[in-house]
């Protein structure tokens, strides 16, 4: 099959080339949108990522080109109009799990960096400033950590935080018995927010979860608590978070995702004037840490993403059952 890859980064080429098989690849750095969809012409399938546009108009154009498969090289698929894909006869597959450890460990990295301010200490020492002023953190041991959704990533994080000596509480409509046995206590979201010193989001973005962190739920949080989001930017109302940061209701914010990240992340804009006033405001807070959707970026995760994506494509090409089919 001829496969067009969109939103390609150098590491994508390296890991997918190692799993090419009999297929031919075209790698495009452009995001898939109404202007770049023409690049899919002459291909049998496309491979897309989190910020590619796959709404009805794009999918209709792809179908007219003869595209029968959209292979998402990620777990999320909230950027795909599934109803339109089904109507057009386009199969959509994904990588449901690549390395939950990668994302869970990145969430911990955000927590610990925000807490112990190692990013600030690093910059100080490089400038010859060995002062410890304003670098005070807190013991994570004994704190209450709230995990929103205990899927595979949430389970990994729970085990790590239990190892830190935290009291781990969780909210999930489907309670996990193994987590309970490990010492995790399930409770309603409002109770979790009220009790947690650290809240970490690990749920998918759906109509029900969009802006689950908003003006109301931020007020329910313990004053000065830490919020971590390594899942999807749309889970948090960024404007409401900014207000909470300004008042001190939200004590720390660490995000690896951002609601409007499509115009920013995975690009080098160091010489540009960034037009997004919201993220610039976030970056101005000393208690905010932003990384650019790198939670998945480990050797193990990249290898698994390429392997599972190509298995999905091979199965489609062979007419086999698509075990990772979304629609």
Protein backbone atom coordinates (compact mmCIF):
# COMPACT_ATOMS: atom_id res chain seq x y z
CA UNK A 1 0.00 0.00 0.00
CA UNK A 2 0.99 3.61 -0.59
CA UNK A 3 0.71 5.49 2.69
CA UNK A 4 0.82 9.26 3.20
CA UNK A 5 2.09 10.33 6.62
CA UNK A 6 1.03 13.76 7.89
CA UNK A 7 2.51 15.85 10.73
CA UNK A 8 5.75 13.91 10.34
CA UNK A 9 8.69 14.50 12.65
CA UNK A 10 12.22 13.12 12.09
CA UNK A 11 11.69 10.40 14.70
CA UNK A 12 8.57 9.22 12.86
CA UNK A 13 10.63 8.47 9.77
CA UNK A 14 13.26 6.59 11.76
CA UNK A 15 10.84 4.28 13.55
CA UNK A 16 8.41 3.69 10.67
CA UNK A 17 11.14 3.02 8.12
CA UNK A 18 12.29 0.18 10.39
CA UNK A 19 8.82 -1.37 10.01
CA UNK A 20 8.16 -0.56 6.34
CA UNK A 21 7.61 -4.08 5.03
CA UNK A 22 6.29 -4.08 1.45
CA UNK A 23 4.58 -0.70 1.73
CA UNK A 24 5.72 2.63 0.29
CA UNK A 25 5.74 5.80 2.38
CA UNK A 26 5.38 9.51 1.66
CA UNK A 27 6.30 11.67 4.65
CA UNK A 28 4.84 15.17 4.94
CA UNK A 29 5.67 17.58 7.74
CA UNK A 30 2.41 19.43 7.08
CA UNK A 31 -0.62 18.88 9.24
CA UNK A 32 -3.57 17.38 7.40
CA UNK A 33 -6.12 20.10 6.69
CA UNK A 34 -8.19 21.48 3.84
CA UNK A 35 -5.09 22.92 2.15
CA UNK A 36 -2.79 19.92 2.48
CA UNK A 37 -5.29 17.11 1.85
CA UNK A 38 -4.27 17.18 -1.85
CA UNK A 39 -1.00 15.52 -0.78
CA UNK A 40 -2.96 12.32 -0.10
CA UNK A 41 -3.78 11.90 -3.80
CA UNK A 42 -2.31 8.74 -5.27
CA UNK A 43 -2.15 6.95 -1.93
CA UNK A 44 -4.18 4.08 -0.52
CA UNK A 45 -4.14 5.14 3.12
CA UNK A 46 -3.09 8.00 5.35
CA UNK A 47 -1.34 7.91 8.72
CA UNK A 48 -2.38 10.82 10.94
CA UNK A 49 -1.56 12.23 14.36
CA UNK A 50 -3.30 14.13 17.18
CA UNK A 51 -3.55 17.57 15.55
CA UNK A 52 -4.49 16.55 12.02
CA UNK A 53 -7.94 17.63 10.84
CA UNK A 54 -10.23 14.75 9.95
CA UNK A 55 -13.64 16.38 9.88
CA UNK A 56 -16.35 15.47 7.36
CA UNK A 57 -15.12 17.70 4.54
CA UNK A 58 -11.57 16.34 4.75
CA UNK A 59 -12.81 12.76 4.96
CA UNK A 60 -15.09 13.30 1.96
CA UNK A 61 -12.13 14.55 -0.07
CA UNK A 62 -10.06 11.55 1.05
CA UNK A 63 -12.86 9.17 0.05
CA UNK A 64 -13.07 10.80 -3.37
CA UNK A 65 -9.33 10.14 -3.74
CA UNK A 66 -9.91 6.45 -3.01
CA UNK A 67 -8.54 6.48 0.54
CA UNK A 68 -10.07 3.59 2.47
CA UNK A 69 -8.01 3.66 5.67
CA UNK A 70 -7.06 6.27 8.26
CA UNK A 71 -4.36 4.89 10.55
CA UNK A 72 -4.01 7.03 13.67
CA UNK A 73 -0.54 6.64 15.19
CA UNK A 74 -1.85 7.58 18.64
CA UNK A 75 -4.45 6.44 21.12
CA UNK A 76 -6.79 9.43 20.80
CA UNK A 77 -9.21 9.92 17.92
CA UNK A 78 -11.27 12.93 19.06
CA UNK A 79 -10.07 14.80 15.94
CA UNK A 80 -11.80 12.28 13.66
CA UNK A 81 -15.45 12.59 12.63
CA UNK A 82 -16.27 8.92 13.16
CA UNK A 83 -19.84 9.19 11.88
CA UNK A 84 -18.61 10.69 8.61
CA UNK A 85 -15.88 8.06 8.27
CA UNK A 86 -18.41 5.27 8.73
CA UNK A 87 -20.79 6.82 6.19
CA UNK A 88 -17.96 7.19 3.67
CA UNK A 89 -16.69 3.64 4.18
CA UNK A 90 -13.32 4.71 5.58
CA UNK A 91 -11.91 2.45 8.27
CA UNK A 92 -10.23 4.17 11.22
CA UNK A 93 -7.67 2.34 13.34
CA UNK A 94 -5.51 3.51 16.21
CA UNK A 95 -2.78 2.49 18.66
CA UNK A 96 -4.76 1.97 21.89
CA UNK A 97 -1.72 1.48 24.12
CA UNK A 98 1.93 2.07 23.33
CA UNK A 99 3.65 2.80 26.63
CA UNK A 100 1.49 3.87 29.54
CA UNK A 101 4.70 4.10 31.55
CA UNK A 102 5.99 6.87 29.28
CA UNK A 103 3.04 9.18 29.93
CA UNK A 104 2.72 8.31 33.62
CA UNK A 105 6.42 8.94 34.20
CA UNK A 106 6.19 12.26 32.36
CA UNK A 107 3.31 13.27 34.62
CA UNK A 108 5.58 12.55 37.61
CA UNK A 109 8.37 14.56 35.97
CA UNK A 110 6.03 17.55 35.72
CA UNK A 111 4.98 17.11 39.36
CA UNK A 112 8.51 16.89 40.70
CA UNK A 113 9.86 19.71 38.55
CA UNK A 114 7.06 22.05 39.61
CA UNK A 115 7.47 21.03 43.25
CA UNK A 116 11.26 21.10 43.62
CA UNK A 117 11.79 23.80 40.95
CA UNK A 118 14.71 21.95 39.39
CA UNK A 119 14.22 23.82 36.09
CA UNK A 120 14.81 27.11 37.89
CA UNK A 121 17.75 25.75 39.88
CA UNK A 122 19.36 24.48 36.66
CA UNK A 123 19.16 27.91 35.03
CA UNK A 124 20.42 29.66 38.17
CA UNK A 125 23.49 27.48 38.53
CA UNK A 126 24.39 27.91 34.85
CA UNK A 127 24.45 31.66 35.52
CA UNK A 128 26.59 31.27 38.64
CA UNK A 129 23.68 31.84 41.00
CA UNK A 130 23.84 29.25 43.77
CA UNK A 131 21.15 30.83 45.94
CA UNK A 132 18.40 28.57 47.30
CA UNK A 133 15.98 31.45 47.82
CA UNK A 134 12.41 30.70 46.61
CA UNK A 135 13.24 27.09 45.71
CA UNK A 136 11.37 25.52 48.62
CA UNK A 137 9.24 22.52 47.70
CA UNK A 138 7.24 20.00 49.70
CA UNK A 139 7.51 16.30 50.55
CA UNK A 140 5.39 14.27 48.17
CA UNK A 141 5.41 11.51 50.80
CA UNK A 142 2.15 11.57 52.74
CA UNK A 143 0.32 13.84 50.32
CA UNK A 144 -3.02 12.95 48.74
CA UNK A 145 -2.85 12.41 44.98
CA UNK A 146 -6.06 12.28 42.97
CA UNK A 147 -6.07 10.42 39.65
CA UNK A 148 -8.92 11.14 37.25
CA UNK A 149 -9.47 7.91 35.27
CA UNK A 150 -7.63 4.70 36.05
CA UNK A 151 -7.06 3.32 32.59
CA UNK A 152 -3.63 1.91 31.81
CA UNK A 153 -1.84 5.25 32.25
CA UNK A 154 -3.73 6.10 35.42
CA UNK A 155 -2.94 2.66 36.86
CA UNK A 156 0.78 3.14 36.16
CA UNK A 157 0.72 6.53 37.83
CA UNK A 158 -1.15 5.17 40.84
CA UNK A 159 1.54 2.54 41.40
CA UNK A 160 4.31 5.14 41.13
CA UNK A 161 2.63 7.49 43.59
CA UNK A 162 1.86 4.68 46.00
CA UNK A 163 5.58 3.97 45.87
CA UNK A 164 6.23 7.60 46.81
CA UNK A 165 4.14 7.05 49.91
CA UNK A 166 1.14 9.05 48.74
CA UNK A 167 -2.45 8.42 49.66
CA UNK A 168 -3.92 7.73 46.22
CA UNK A 169 -7.58 8.41 45.48
CA UNK A 170 -9.30 8.09 42.12
CA UNK A 171 -12.39 8.92 40.13
CA UNK A 172 -13.54 6.61 37.36
CA UNK A 173 -17.05 5.42 36.40
CA UNK A 174 -15.57 1.92 36.20
CA UNK A 175 -13.71 1.10 39.38
CA UNK A 176 -10.69 -1.19 39.05
CA UNK A 177 -10.54 -3.99 41.61
CA UNK A 178 -6.76 -4.40 41.23
CA UNK A 179 -6.32 -0.72 42.04
CA UNK A 180 -8.52 -1.09 45.11
CA UNK A 181 -6.45 -4.05 46.27
CA UNK A 182 -3.29 -1.96 45.80
CA UNK A 183 -4.65 0.72 48.12
CA UNK A 184 -6.45 3.16 45.80
CA UNK A 185 -9.73 4.60 47.10
CA UNK A 186 -12.43 5.54 44.60
CA UNK A 187 -14.76 8.47 45.18
CA UNK A 188 -16.86 11.06 43.32
CA UNK A 189 -14.94 13.71 41.39
CA UNK A 190 -16.02 16.55 43.70
CA UNK A 191 -14.67 14.69 46.73
CA UNK A 192 -11.41 13.88 44.94
CA UNK A 193 -10.88 17.54 44.01
CA UNK A 194 -11.59 18.69 47.55
CA UNK A 195 -9.14 16.25 49.14
CA UNK A 196 -6.22 16.14 46.68
CA UNK A 197 -2.93 17.98 47.02
CA UNK A 198 -2.12 16.84 43.47
CA UNK A 199 -4.69 16.13 40.74
CA UNK A 200 -3.63 14.34 37.54
CA UNK A 201 -5.92 13.94 34.50
CA UNK A 202 -5.79 10.74 32.45
CA UNK A 203 -9.17 10.46 30.73
CA UNK A 204 -10.05 10.66 27.02
CA UNK A 205 -11.58 13.81 25.55
CA UNK A 206 -15.30 13.30 24.95
CA UNK A 207 -18.38 15.50 25.04
CA UNK A 208 -18.76 14.52 28.70
CA UNK A 209 -15.18 15.30 29.71
CA UNK A 210 -14.56 18.48 27.69
CA UNK A 211 -13.75 21.30 30.15
CA UNK A 212 -14.27 19.00 33.11
CA UNK A 213 -11.78 21.32 34.80
CA UNK A 214 -13.63 24.62 34.71
CA UNK A 215 -14.50 27.58 36.91
CA UNK A 216 -16.76 25.47 39.09
CA UNK A 217 -14.49 22.43 39.52
CA UNK A 218 -11.42 24.59 40.11
CA UNK A 219 -13.23 26.18 43.04
CA UNK A 220 -13.85 22.67 44.40
CA UNK A 221 -10.11 21.97 44.52
CA UNK A 222 -8.08 22.36 47.68
CA UNK A 223 -6.60 25.87 47.62
CA UNK A 224 -3.00 25.83 46.41
CA UNK A 225 -3.21 22.31 44.96
CA UNK A 226 -1.29 21.12 41.90
CA UNK A 227 -3.02 20.20 38.62
CA UNK A 228 -1.31 18.01 35.99
CA UNK A 229 -2.70 17.32 32.50
CA UNK A 230 -0.89 14.90 30.20
CA UNK A 231 -4.05 13.67 28.49
CA UNK A 232 -5.91 16.14 26.22
CA UNK A 233 -5.91 19.92 26.28
CA UNK A 234 -9.67 20.15 25.97
CA UNK A 235 -10.16 18.63 29.41
CA UNK A 236 -9.29 22.00 30.93
CA UNK A 237 -10.84 25.43 30.41
CA UNK A 238 -7.60 27.38 30.09
CA UNK A 239 -9.16 30.77 30.75
CA UNK A 240 -10.65 29.48 34.00
CA UNK A 241 -7.27 28.01 34.99
CA UNK A 242 -5.60 31.39 34.44
CA UNK A 243 -8.11 33.06 36.77
CA UNK A 244 -7.50 30.34 39.39
CA UNK A 245 -3.74 30.83 39.09
CA UNK A 246 -4.09 34.60 39.52
CA UNK A 247 -6.14 34.22 42.70
CA UNK A 248 -3.93 31.47 44.14
CA UNK A 249 -6.75 28.94 44.15
CA UNK A 250 -4.60 26.84 41.81
CA UNK A 251 -1.13 26.56 43.26
CA UNK A 252 0.70 24.80 40.42
CA UNK A 253 -0.14 23.83 36.85
CA UNK A 254 1.79 21.35 34.72
CA UNK A 255 0.54 20.60 31.20
CA UNK A 256 1.86 18.53 28.33
CA UNK A 257 -1.23 19.29 26.24
CA UNK A 258 -3.03 22.51 25.34
CA UNK A 259 -6.45 23.12 23.88
CA UNK A 260 -5.09 25.20 20.98
CA UNK A 261 -1.85 23.27 20.57
CA UNK A 262 -2.45 22.53 16.90
CA UNK A 263 -0.98 25.89 15.88
CA UNK A 264 2.03 25.60 18.16
CA UNK A 265 3.23 22.16 19.19
CA UNK A 266 5.69 20.07 17.15
CA UNK A 267 7.02 23.24 15.47
CA UNK A 268 10.06 25.46 16.08
CA UNK A 269 8.66 28.96 16.61
CA UNK A 270 11.67 30.35 18.46
CA UNK A 271 12.18 33.11 15.89
CA UNK A 272 8.48 33.93 15.50
CA UNK A 273 6.10 36.21 17.34
CA UNK A 274 3.67 33.81 18.97
CA UNK A 275 0.14 35.05 18.36
CA UNK A 276 -1.55 32.90 21.00
CA UNK A 277 -2.09 35.32 23.90
CA UNK A 278 -3.50 32.60 26.15
CA UNK A 279 -0.44 30.38 26.17
CA UNK A 280 1.81 33.43 26.48
CA UNK A 281 -0.16 34.39 29.60
CA UNK A 282 0.26 30.87 30.97
CA UNK A 283 3.99 30.99 30.30
CA UNK A 284 4.27 34.17 32.37
CA UNK A 285 3.33 32.39 35.61
CA UNK A 286 6.27 31.16 37.72
CA UNK A 287 4.20 28.20 38.96
CA UNK A 288 3.27 26.90 35.49
CA UNK A 289 5.27 24.31 33.55
CA UNK A 290 4.46 23.55 29.91
CA UNK A 291 5.92 20.81 27.74
CA UNK A 292 4.91 20.35 24.11
CA UNK A 293 3.09 17.00 24.03
CA UNK A 294 6.21 14.94 24.69
CA UNK A 295 4.74 12.54 27.23
CA UNK A 296 4.78 9.69 24.69
CA UNK A 297 8.33 10.41 23.54
CA UNK A 298 10.36 7.40 24.66
CA UNK A 299 12.16 4.80 22.58
CA UNK A 300 9.82 2.10 23.81
CA UNK A 301 6.68 4.07 22.98
CA UNK A 302 7.87 5.13 19.53
CA UNK A 303 8.81 1.55 18.67
CA UNK A 304 5.40 0.28 19.78
CA UNK A 305 3.54 3.04 17.91
CA UNK A 306 5.27 2.17 14.65
CA UNK A 307 4.87 -1.57 15.17
CA UNK A 308 1.16 -1.50 16.02
CA UNK A 309 0.34 1.06 13.32
CA UNK A 310 1.98 -1.11 10.66
CA UNK A 311 0.24 -4.22 12.00
CA UNK A 312 -3.06 -2.35 11.64
CA UNK A 313 -2.20 -1.45 8.05
CA UNK A 314 -1.04 -4.99 7.24
CA UNK A 315 -4.29 -6.41 8.60
CA UNK A 316 -6.36 -4.01 6.51
CA UNK A 317 -4.32 -4.80 3.41
CA UNK A 318 -4.82 -8.54 3.97
CA UNK A 319 -8.54 -8.20 4.64
CA UNK A 320 -8.16 -9.44 8.20
CA UNK A 321 -10.11 -8.43 11.29
CA UNK A 322 -8.98 -5.01 12.53
CA UNK A 323 -8.49 -5.51 16.26
CA UNK A 324 -7.76 -1.82 16.80
CA UNK A 325 -10.59 -0.51 14.66
CA UNK A 326 -12.43 2.54 15.93
CA UNK A 327 -15.03 2.59 13.14
